[in-house]
Amino acid sequence: MNMDQLTQAPDVQKILGGKGKKLHAHEVHVRRTAEKGKYIAMHKLADKHGNPPTDGQRAEAEYPLSSPEEMLAHLQQHMGSEPAEAEEE
């Protein structure tokens, strides 16, 4: 099988295409690091039905945060109100 045939396979296209299902943060865990005043936010990602990704996307994302203010801004940015279309379901 050559590279052209491999990239034409539907499963490979789904992973390599970088698209896939839209994921949302269903859980966010914040922990302190060994350095005082620094944090790490870990997001557990899932689709709108709460299912983990099955299309090659990662199910977790980590963000290093260097101050309490940055942590609060991060949480406000990522955990704000849901879009109106999600509330209608």
Protein backbone atom coordinates (compact mmCIF):
# COMPACT_ATOMS: atom_id res chain seq x y z
CA MET A 1 0.00 0.00 0.00
CA ASN A 2 1.52 3.33 -1.00
CA MET A 3 1.07 6.65 0.82
CA ASP A 4 -1.66 7.88 -1.58
CA GLN A 5 -3.76 4.79 -0.92
CA LEU A 6 -3.19 5.09 2.82
CA THR A 7 -4.29 8.72 3.00
CA GLN A 8 -7.44 7.94 0.99
CA ALA A 9 -8.75 5.57 3.69
CA PRO A 10 -11.70 7.20 5.54
CA ASP A 11 -10.35 6.51 9.05
CA VAL A 12 -6.95 8.00 8.20
CA GLN A 13 -8.56 11.08 6.67
CA LYS A 14 -10.58 11.62 9.83
CA ILE A 15 -7.41 11.61 11.99
CA LEU A 16 -5.11 13.47 9.61
CA GLY A 17 -7.75 16.02 8.64
CA GLY A 18 -7.61 17.59 12.10
CA LYS A 19 -11.34 18.15 12.00
CA GLY A 20 -13.54 15.59 13.72
CA LYS A 21 -16.22 16.18 16.33
CA LYS A 22 -16.30 19.44 18.22
CA LEU A 23 -15.16 18.82 21.77
CA HIS A 24 -16.12 20.69 24.92
CA ALA A 25 -14.58 20.79 28.40
CA HIS A 26 -16.81 18.58 30.53
CA GLU A 27 -14.52 18.67 33.55
CA VAL A 28 -11.74 20.99 34.59
CA HIS A 29 -9.29 20.06 37.32
CA VAL A 30 -6.90 22.67 38.72
CA ARG A 31 -3.87 21.70 40.76
CA ARG A 32 -0.99 23.61 42.29
CA THR A 33 2.53 22.97 41.12
CA ALA A 34 5.60 22.68 43.32
CA GLU A 35 6.32 26.35 42.59
CA LYS A 36 4.29 28.67 44.78
CA GLY A 37 1.55 30.56 42.95
CA LYS A 38 1.60 28.39 39.80
CA TYR A 39 -1.16 26.06 38.63
CA ILE A 40 -2.01 23.52 35.95
CA ALA A 41 -5.54 23.30 34.55
CA MET A 42 -6.48 19.95 33.02
CA HIS A 43 -9.55 19.81 30.80
CA LYS A 44 -11.33 16.50 30.18
CA LEU A 45 -12.83 16.81 26.73
CA ALA A 46 -15.95 15.16 25.32
CA ASP A 47 -18.54 15.71 22.61
CA LYS A 48 -21.93 17.34 23.26
CA HIS A 49 -23.31 13.99 24.48
CA GLY A 50 -20.52 13.50 27.03
CA ASN A 51 -18.70 10.82 25.02
CA PRO A 52 -14.89 10.86 24.80
CA PRO A 53 -13.40 11.41 21.33
CA THR A 54 -13.12 8.34 19.09
CA ASP A 55 -11.73 10.08 16.02
CA GLY A 56 -8.08 10.41 17.04
CA GLN A 57 -8.42 13.62 19.05
CA ARG A 58 -7.02 13.82 22.55
CA ALA A 59 -9.41 13.44 25.49
CA GLU A 60 -7.40 15.77 27.75
CA ALA A 61 -5.65 19.12 27.48
CA GLU A 62 -3.33 20.75 30.05
CA TYR A 63 -2.63 24.46 30.45
CA PRO A 64 0.18 25.82 32.67
CA LEU A 65 -0.94 28.95 34.56
CA SER A 66 1.63 31.21 36.18
CA SER A 67 -0.52 33.16 38.66
CA PRO A 68 -3.87 33.05 40.48
CA GLU A 69 -5.10 35.88 38.23
CA GLU A 70 -4.18 33.91 35.11
CA MET A 71 -6.01 30.88 36.55
CA LEU A 72 -9.19 32.91 37.13
CA ALA A 73 -9.02 34.42 33.64
CA HIS A 74 -8.52 30.95 32.15
CA LEU A 75 -11.53 29.56 33.99
CA GLN A 76 -13.71 32.49 32.92
CA GLN A 77 -12.63 32.06 29.31
CA HIS A 78 -13.20 28.31 29.14
CA MET A 79 -16.09 27.81 31.53
CA GLY A 80 -18.31 30.73 30.53
CA SER A 81 -21.96 30.40 29.63
CA GLU A 82 -22.89 27.84 26.98
CA PRO A 83 -24.00 28.95 23.54
CA ALA A 84 -27.77 29.28 23.00
CA GLU A 85 -27.86 26.36 20.53
CA ALA A 86 -26.55 23.95 23.17
CA GLU A 87 -29.31 24.99 25.62
CA GLU A 88 -32.06 24.15 23.12
CA GLU A 89 -31.23 20.43 22.99
